[in-house]
Amino acid sequence: MGAVLSVDQMSPSEEVVARAAEVARAGGVLVLPTDSVYGICCAATPGNPAHGRIFDIKRRDRAQTLPWFVADERDLDTYGQDVPDWARRLAAAHWPGALTLVVRASEKVPAEYAQAGADGPTIALRCPGSALDRALVRAVGAPLAQTSANTHGAPAATSGHGVEPAIVAAADLTLDGGAAPVGVASTIVDATGPEPRILRLGALAEDEVLLAAR
C-alpha cells in the first residue's frame, strides 16, 4: 500500500512538496489532486521507469502518450515550438487552469514522451490551477507526465476518497487534497494549426476558447 498524505493543494506545506518531489525524482509514481480531477504522474525525465508503470497501473495502451504539467506560461515555448500567437493568447487567458494545449514538441521533449505525427512530434501541455502541482514541478525540476488517476475506462476521481484503492496501492505516494475545485477534466485544444481545434470539451466551453484565442 502506498503512503497517503493530506495536503492543501492551494496552499501546500513545504514539507509535503519536498516529500513528493523526492519520490518523483527517485523514479516514483504519485497520485495528486489537481484543479480539475485527480491525476497520476511521474517526473518527465528520460528513461524514468515510472513512466511505464503509469500505463501498467491504469491498464492503458502504451501507444498513447501522457500530457505534461508545467509550472509557468513561458513553458509553452520551452517545450513547444512554432507555437501560434493565438495559442499564447489562450494560455495567457486560461493558464493556470483547466486548459491543455497540444503543440509541436521542441527538442527538449524526450522522444518517449512525444506523440508521433505526420508533421512531427507533439506534446500536450497544461499549467494547472493548483499551487501544489506547480510547486511540485518546480521542486522536481522537470515537468510531470500525468493523466487521470483511474483505470482505463473508469470515471475520473474528483476527490481523494474517490481514487480507486488499487491505484493508491500501486502508487508510491498519494496526496489527498479533498475535493477537486473544478471537478471536470480539462479542455484539450490542438494548437498545431492556424486556428484552434477542440479535441475534448471539458472545464472550458467552446465559446471561452474561441473568444480568448482571437
C-alpha atoms as a PDB file:
ATOM      1  CA  MET A   1       0.000   0.000   0.000  1.00  0.00           C
ATOM      2  CA  GLY A   2       1.444   3.355  -0.997  1.00  0.00           C
ATOM      3  CA  ALA A   3       1.749   6.121   1.564  1.00  0.00           C
ATOM      4  CA  VAL A   4      -1.003   8.770   1.794  1.00  0.00           C
ATOM      5  CA  LEU A   5      -0.511  12.369   2.926  1.00  0.00           C
ATOM      6  CA  SER A   6      -3.108  15.083   3.387  1.00  0.00           C
ATOM      7  CA  VAL A   7      -2.433  18.354   1.586  1.00  0.00           C
ATOM      8  CA  ASP A   8      -3.986  21.740   0.912  1.00  0.00           C
ATOM      9  CA  GLN A   9      -3.445  21.975  -2.823  1.00  0.00           C
ATOM     10  CA  MET A  10      -3.977  25.723  -2.920  1.00  0.00           C
ATOM     11  CA  SER A  11      -1.511  26.343  -0.063  1.00  0.00           C
ATOM     12  CA  PRO A  12       0.698  23.257   0.277  1.00  0.00           C
ATOM     13  CA  SER A  13       3.282  22.968   3.026  1.00  0.00           C
ATOM     14  CA  GLU A  14       6.940  22.980   2.037  1.00  0.00           C
ATOM     15  CA  GLU A  15       7.342  19.626   3.766  1.00  0.00           C
ATOM     16  CA  VAL A  16       4.704  17.888   1.645  1.00  0.00           C
ATOM     17  CA  VAL A  17       6.060  19.382  -1.583  1.00  0.00           C
ATOM     18  CA  ALA A  18       9.589  18.307  -0.647  1.00  0.00           C
ATOM     19  CA  ARG A  19       8.456  14.756   0.198  1.00  0.00           C
ATOM     20  CA  ALA A  20       6.524  14.385  -3.061  1.00  0.00           C
ATOM     21  CA  ALA A  21       9.377  15.851  -5.112  1.00  0.00           C
ATOM     22  CA  GLU A  22      11.820  13.414  -3.518  1.00  0.00           C
ATOM     23  CA  VAL A  23       9.597  10.480  -4.502  1.00  0.00           C
ATOM     24  CA  ALA A  24       9.237  11.786  -8.071  1.00  0.00           C
ATOM     25  CA  ARG A  25      12.959  12.451  -8.516  1.00  0.00           C
ATOM     26  CA  ALA A  26      13.692   8.907  -7.300  1.00  0.00           C
ATOM     27  CA  GLY A  27      11.560   7.447 -10.096  1.00  0.00           C
ATOM     28  CA  GLY A  28       8.348   7.091  -8.124  1.00  0.00           C
ATOM     29  CA  VAL A  29       4.684   7.356  -9.111  1.00  0.00           C
ATOM     30  CA  LEU A  30       2.466   9.966  -7.436  1.00  0.00           C
ATOM     31  CA  VAL A  31      -1.283  10.419  -7.185  1.00  0.00           C
ATOM     32  CA  LEU A  32      -2.137  14.063  -6.653  1.00  0.00           C
ATOM     33  CA  PRO A  33      -5.077  16.445  -6.649  1.00  0.00           C
ATOM     34  CA  THR A  34      -5.451  18.974  -9.426  1.00  0.00           C
ATOM     35  CA  ASP A  35      -7.898  21.783 -10.031  1.00  0.00           C
ATOM     36  CA  SER A  36      -9.860  19.503 -12.386  1.00  0.00           C
ATOM     37  CA  VAL A  37      -9.639  15.810 -11.371  1.00  0.00           C
ATOM     38  CA  TYR A  38      -7.105  13.648  -9.539  1.00  0.00           C
ATOM     39  CA  GLY A  39      -4.036  12.680 -11.540  1.00  0.00           C
ATOM     40  CA  ILE A  40      -1.355  10.006 -11.541  1.00  0.00           C
ATOM     41  CA  CYS A  41       2.071  11.264 -12.521  1.00  0.00           C
ATOM     42  CA  CYS A  42       5.837  10.922 -12.648  1.00  0.00           C
ATOM     43  CA  ALA A  43       8.806  13.130 -13.465  1.00  0.00           C
ATOM     44  CA  ALA A  44       9.028  13.570 -17.251  1.00  0.00           C
ATOM     45  CA  THR A  45      12.705  12.663 -17.385  1.00  0.00           C
ATOM     46  CA  PRO A  46      14.418  10.381 -19.913  1.00  0.00           C
ATOM     47  CA  GLY A  47      14.366   6.690 -19.064  1.00  0.00           C
ATOM     48  CA  ASN A  48      12.174   7.090 -15.972  1.00  0.00           C
ATOM     49  CA  PRO A  49      10.731   3.618 -15.147  1.00  0.00           C
ATOM     50  CA  ALA A  50       7.737   5.295 -13.501  1.00  0.00           C
ATOM     51  CA  HIS A  51       6.571   6.375 -16.953  1.00  0.00           C
ATOM     52  CA  GLY A  52       5.866   2.783 -17.964  1.00  0.00           C
ATOM     53  CA  ARG A  53       4.422   1.955 -14.541  1.00  0.00           C
ATOM     54  CA  ILE A  54       1.668   4.526 -15.030  1.00  0.00           C
ATOM     55  CA  PHE A  55       0.450   2.698 -18.137  1.00  0.00           C
ATOM     56  CA  ASP A  56       0.508  -0.601 -16.245  1.00  0.00           C
ATOM     57  CA  ILE A  57      -1.346   0.841 -13.236  1.00  0.00           C
ATOM     58  CA  LYS A  58      -4.024   2.409 -15.439  1.00  0.00           C
ATOM     59  CA  ARG A  59      -4.131  -0.562 -17.830  1.00  0.00           C
ATOM     60  CA  ARG A  60      -3.708   1.965 -20.605  1.00  0.00           C
ATOM     61  CA  ASP A  61      -2.424   1.343 -24.120  1.00  0.00           C
ATOM     62  CA  ARG A  62       1.261   2.302 -24.294  1.00  0.00           C
ATOM     63  CA  ALA A  63       0.714   3.666 -27.807  1.00  0.00           C
ATOM     64  CA  GLN A  64      -0.956   6.663 -26.134  1.00  0.00           C
ATOM     65  CA  THR A  65       1.067   9.467 -24.588  1.00  0.00           C
ATOM     66  CA  LEU A  66       0.755  11.393 -21.323  1.00  0.00           C
ATOM     67  CA  PRO A  67       0.156  15.142 -21.151  1.00  0.00           C
ATOM     68  CA  TRP A  68       2.619  17.207 -19.153  1.00  0.00           C
ATOM     69  CA  PHE A  69       2.064  19.569 -16.245  1.00  0.00           C
ATOM     70  CA  VAL A  70       4.285  22.653 -16.473  1.00  0.00           C
ATOM     71  CA  ALA A  71       4.768  25.433 -13.956  1.00  0.00           C
ATOM     72  CA  ASP A  72       4.618  28.622 -15.997  1.00  0.00           C
ATOM     73  CA  GLU A  73       3.157  30.142 -19.144  1.00  0.00           C
ATOM     74  CA  ARG A  74       6.656  30.561 -20.593  1.00  0.00           C
ATOM     75  CA  ASP A  75       6.993  26.753 -20.658  1.00  0.00           C
ATOM     76  CA  LEU A  76       4.721  26.801 -23.687  1.00  0.00           C
ATOM     77  CA  ASP A  77       7.707  27.967 -25.736  1.00  0.00           C
ATOM     78  CA  THR A  78      10.242  25.908 -23.784  1.00  0.00           C
ATOM     79  CA  TYR A  79       8.637  22.572 -24.645  1.00  0.00           C
ATOM     80  CA  GLY A  80       6.698  23.672 -27.729  1.00  0.00           C
ATOM     81  CA  GLN A  81       7.934  25.144 -30.994  1.00  0.00           C
ATOM     82  CA  ASP A  82       6.252  27.152 -33.730  1.00  0.00           C
ATOM     83  CA  VAL A  83       3.512  27.993 -31.222  1.00  0.00           C
ATOM     84  CA  PRO A  84       0.905  30.217 -32.901  1.00  0.00           C
ATOM     85  CA  ASP A  85       0.131  33.608 -31.386  1.00  0.00           C
ATOM     86  CA  TRP A  86      -3.477  32.638 -30.796  1.00  0.00           C
ATOM     87  CA  ALA A  87      -2.306  29.768 -28.550  1.00  0.00           C
ATOM     88  CA  ARG A  88      -0.225  32.191 -26.486  1.00  0.00           C
ATOM     89  CA  ARG A  89      -3.305  34.390 -26.054  1.00  0.00           C
ATOM     90  CA  LEU A  90      -5.281  31.343 -24.956  1.00  0.00           C
ATOM     91  CA  ALA A  91      -2.618  30.392 -22.414  1.00  0.00           C
ATOM     92  CA  ALA A  92      -2.443  33.973 -21.136  1.00  0.00           C
ATOM     93  CA  ALA A  93      -6.202  33.912 -20.545  1.00  0.00           C
ATOM     94  CA  HIS A  94      -6.603  30.427 -19.050  1.00  0.00           C
ATOM     95  CA  TRP A  95      -3.274  29.373 -17.516  1.00  0.00           C
ATOM     96  CA  PRO A  96      -3.069  28.429 -14.731  1.00  0.00           C
ATOM     97  CA  GLY A  97      -6.267  26.496 -15.287  1.00  0.00           C
ATOM     98  CA  ALA A  98      -8.070  23.548 -16.843  1.00  0.00           C
ATOM     99  CA  LEU A  99      -6.767  24.025 -20.382  1.00  0.00           C
ATOM    100  CA  THR A 100      -4.469  21.589 -22.188  1.00  0.00           C
ATOM    101  CA  LEU A 101      -2.708  22.751 -25.361  1.00  0.00           C
ATOM    102  CA  VAL A 102      -1.285  20.275 -27.875  1.00  0.00           C
ATOM    103  CA  VAL A 103       1.739  21.877 -29.535  1.00  0.00           C
ATOM    104  CA  ARG A 104       4.617  20.812 -31.735  1.00  0.00           C
ATOM    105  CA  ALA A 105       7.282  19.354 -29.441  1.00  0.00           C
ATOM    106  CA  SER A 106      10.605  21.122 -29.081  1.00  0.00           C
ATOM    107  CA  GLU A 107      13.933  19.322 -28.866  1.00  0.00           C
ATOM    108  CA  LYS A 108      13.651  19.487 -25.064  1.00  0.00           C
ATOM    109  CA  VAL A 109      10.881  16.851 -25.124  1.00  0.00           C
ATOM    110  CA  PRO A 110      12.351  13.320 -24.953  1.00  0.00           C
ATOM    111  CA  ALA A 111      11.046  11.150 -27.785  1.00  0.00           C
ATOM    112  CA  GLU A 112       9.475   8.666 -25.362  1.00  0.00           C
ATOM    113  CA  TYR A 113       7.034  11.342 -24.147  1.00  0.00           C
ATOM    114  CA  ALA A 114       6.091  12.866 -27.504  1.00  0.00           C
ATOM    115  CA  GLN A 115       3.233  11.826 -29.751  1.00  0.00           C
ATOM    116  CA  ALA A 116       4.498  10.929 -33.217  1.00  0.00           C
ATOM    117  CA  GLY A 117       2.672  12.506 -36.148  1.00  0.00           C
ATOM    118  CA  ALA A 118       2.920  13.028 -39.882  1.00  0.00           C
ATOM    119  CA  ASP A 119       4.023  16.638 -39.336  1.00  0.00           C
ATOM    120  CA  GLY A 120       6.390  15.867 -36.476  1.00  0.00           C
ATOM    121  CA  PRO A 121       6.058  15.035 -32.764  1.00  0.00           C
ATOM    122  CA  THR A 122       3.660  16.855 -30.477  1.00  0.00           C
ATOM    123  CA  ILE A 123       3.287  17.270 -26.721  1.00  0.00           C
ATOM    124  CA  ALA A 124       0.213  18.184 -24.659  1.00  0.00           C
ATOM    125  CA  LEU A 125       0.930  20.860 -22.034  1.00  0.00           C
ATOM    126  CA  ARG A 126      -1.078  22.228 -19.129  1.00  0.00           C
ATOM    127  CA  CYS A 127      -0.251  24.729 -16.418  1.00  0.00           C
ATOM    128  CA  PRO A 128      -2.732  23.577 -13.743  1.00  0.00           C
ATOM    129  CA  GLY A 129      -4.668  25.853 -11.441  1.00  0.00           C
ATOM    130  CA  SER A 130      -3.210  24.112  -8.398  1.00  0.00           C
ATOM    131  CA  ALA A 131      -0.437  25.728  -6.361  1.00  0.00           C
ATOM    132  CA  LEU A 132       0.615  22.239  -5.249  1.00  0.00           C
ATOM    133  CA  ASP A 133       1.083  20.931  -8.782  1.00  0.00           C
ATOM    134  CA  ARG A 134       3.048  23.966  -9.942  1.00  0.00           C
ATOM    135  CA  ALA A 135       5.238  23.923  -6.820  1.00  0.00           C
ATOM    136  CA  LEU A 136       5.913  20.236  -7.381  1.00  0.00           C
ATOM    137  CA  VAL A 137       7.016  20.810 -10.992  1.00  0.00           C
ATOM    138  CA  ARG A 138       9.445  23.462  -9.781  1.00  0.00           C
ATOM    139  CA  ALA A 139      10.744  21.275  -6.942  1.00  0.00           C
ATOM    140  CA  VAL A 140      11.248  18.267  -9.216  1.00  0.00           C
ATOM    141  CA  GLY A 141      12.999  20.428 -11.802  1.00  0.00           C
ATOM    142  CA  ALA A 142      11.083  18.828 -14.678  1.00  0.00           C
ATOM    143  CA  PRO A 143       7.511  18.685 -15.991  1.00  0.00           C
ATOM    144  CA  LEU A 144       5.211  15.973 -14.688  1.00  0.00           C
ATOM    145  CA  ALA A 145       3.924  13.380 -17.161  1.00  0.00           C
ATOM    146  CA  GLN A 146       0.389  12.792 -15.937  1.00  0.00           C
ATOM    147  CA  THR A 147      -3.081  11.521 -16.656  1.00  0.00           C
ATOM    148  CA  SER A 148      -6.268  10.994 -14.689  1.00  0.00           C
ATOM    149  CA  ALA A 149      -5.928   8.680 -11.680  1.00  0.00           C
ATOM    150  CA  ASN A 150      -8.265   5.886 -12.708  1.00  0.00           C
ATOM    151  CA  THR A 151      -8.032   2.589 -14.512  1.00  0.00           C
ATOM    152  CA  HIS A 152      -8.694   2.946 -18.223  1.00  0.00           C
ATOM    153  CA  GLY A 153     -12.432   3.346 -18.863  1.00  0.00           C
ATOM    154  CA  ALA A 154     -13.359   4.075 -15.234  1.00  0.00           C
ATOM    155  CA  PRO A 155     -14.648   7.514 -14.156  1.00  0.00           C
ATOM    156  CA  ALA A 156     -12.041  10.087 -13.191  1.00  0.00           C
ATOM    157  CA  ALA A 157     -11.773  10.691  -9.442  1.00  0.00           C
ATOM    158  CA  THR A 158     -12.772  14.154  -8.242  1.00  0.00           C
ATOM    159  CA  SER A 159     -11.755  13.645  -4.595  1.00  0.00           C
ATOM    160  CA  GLY A 160      -9.104  11.800  -2.657  1.00  0.00           C
ATOM    161  CA  HIS A 161     -11.657   9.285  -1.379  1.00  0.00           C
ATOM    162  CA  GLY A 162     -12.775   8.693  -4.952  1.00  0.00           C
ATOM    163  CA  VAL A 163      -9.408   7.351  -6.133  1.00  0.00           C
ATOM    164  CA  GLU A 164      -9.618   3.591  -6.662  1.00  0.00           C
ATOM    165  CA  PRO A 165      -7.894   1.656  -3.819  1.00  0.00           C
ATOM    166  CA  ALA A 166      -5.878  -0.307  -6.390  1.00  0.00           C
ATOM    167  CA  ILE A 167      -4.450   2.952  -7.757  1.00  0.00           C
ATOM    168  CA  VAL A 168      -3.493   4.144  -4.265  1.00  0.00           C
ATOM    169  CA  ALA A 169      -1.892   0.783  -3.510  1.00  0.00           C
ATOM    170  CA  ALA A 170       0.157   0.779  -6.713  1.00  0.00           C
ATOM    171  CA  ALA A 171       1.419   4.363  -6.390  1.00  0.00           C
ATOM    172  CA  ASP A 172       4.385   5.261  -4.206  1.00  0.00           C
ATOM    173  CA  LEU A 173       2.686   8.295  -2.668  1.00  0.00           C
ATOM    174  CA  THR A 174      -0.844   9.703  -2.782  1.00  0.00           C
ATOM    175  CA  LEU A 175      -1.571  13.308  -1.850  1.00  0.00           C
ATOM    176  CA  ASP A 176      -5.143  13.719  -0.647  1.00  0.00           C
ATOM    177  CA  GLY A 177      -6.386  17.262  -1.081  1.00  0.00           C
ATOM    178  CA  GLY A 178     -10.086  16.555  -0.670  1.00  0.00           C
ATOM    179  CA  ALA A 179     -12.486  17.572  -3.426  1.00  0.00           C
ATOM    180  CA  ALA A 180     -11.060  18.987  -6.666  1.00  0.00           C
ATOM    181  CA  PRO A 181     -12.469  22.526  -7.025  1.00  0.00           C
ATOM    182  CA  VAL A 182     -13.447  22.217 -10.697  1.00  0.00           C
ATOM    183  CA  GLY A 183     -14.311  18.521 -10.771  1.00  0.00           C
ATOM    184  CA  VAL A 184     -14.279  18.323 -14.576  1.00  0.00           C
ATOM    185  CA  ALA A 185     -11.418  17.284 -16.874  1.00  0.00           C
ATOM    186  CA  SER A 186      -9.517  19.969 -18.763  1.00  0.00           C
ATOM    187  CA  THR A 187     -10.491  21.136 -22.220  1.00  0.00           C
ATOM    188  CA  ILE A 188      -7.931  19.976 -24.798  1.00  0.00           C
ATOM    189  CA  VAL A 189      -7.133  22.209 -27.784  1.00  0.00           C
ATOM    190  CA  ASP A 190      -4.958  21.306 -30.766  1.00  0.00           C
ATOM    191  CA  ALA A 191      -2.607  24.251 -31.203  1.00  0.00           C
ATOM    192  CA  THR A 192      -0.566  22.909 -34.114  1.00  0.00           C
ATOM    193  CA  GLY A 193      -2.500  24.765 -36.810  1.00  0.00           C
ATOM    194  CA  PRO A 194      -3.546  28.309 -37.714  1.00  0.00           C
ATOM    195  CA  GLU A 195      -6.807  28.067 -35.743  1.00  0.00           C
ATOM    196  CA  PRO A 196      -7.870  26.291 -32.531  1.00  0.00           C
ATOM    197  CA  ARG A 197      -9.297  22.806 -32.874  1.00  0.00           C
ATOM    198  CA  ILE A 198     -11.008  21.440 -29.798  1.00  0.00           C
ATOM    199  CA  LEU A 199     -10.144  17.797 -29.184  1.00  0.00           C
ATOM    200  CA  ARG A 200     -12.063  17.432 -25.911  1.00  0.00           C
ATOM    201  CA  LEU A 201     -14.555  19.732 -24.251  1.00  0.00           C
ATOM    202  CA  GLY A 202     -14.125  19.908 -20.504  1.00  0.00           C
ATOM    203  CA  ALA A 203     -13.969  22.683 -17.929  1.00  0.00           C
ATOM    204  CA  LEU A 204     -13.744  25.388 -20.615  1.00  0.00           C
ATOM    205  CA  ALA A 205     -16.612  25.833 -23.063  1.00  0.00           C
ATOM    206  CA  GLU A 206     -16.012  26.235 -26.790  1.00  0.00           C
ATOM    207  CA  ASP A 207     -17.030  29.903 -26.691  1.00  0.00           C
ATOM    208  CA  GLU A 208     -14.473  30.621 -23.954  1.00  0.00           C
ATOM    209  CA  VAL A 209     -11.722  29.047 -26.041  1.00  0.00           C
ATOM    210  CA  LEU A 210     -12.606  30.841 -29.261  1.00  0.00           C
ATOM    211  CA  LEU A 211     -13.046  34.215 -27.558  1.00  0.00           C
ATOM    212  CA  ALA A 212      -9.662  34.057 -25.815  1.00  0.00           C
ATOM    213  CA  ALA A 213      -7.882  32.909 -28.977  1.00  0.00           C
ATOM    214  CA  ARG A 214      -8.931  35.923 -31.035  1.00  0.00           C
END
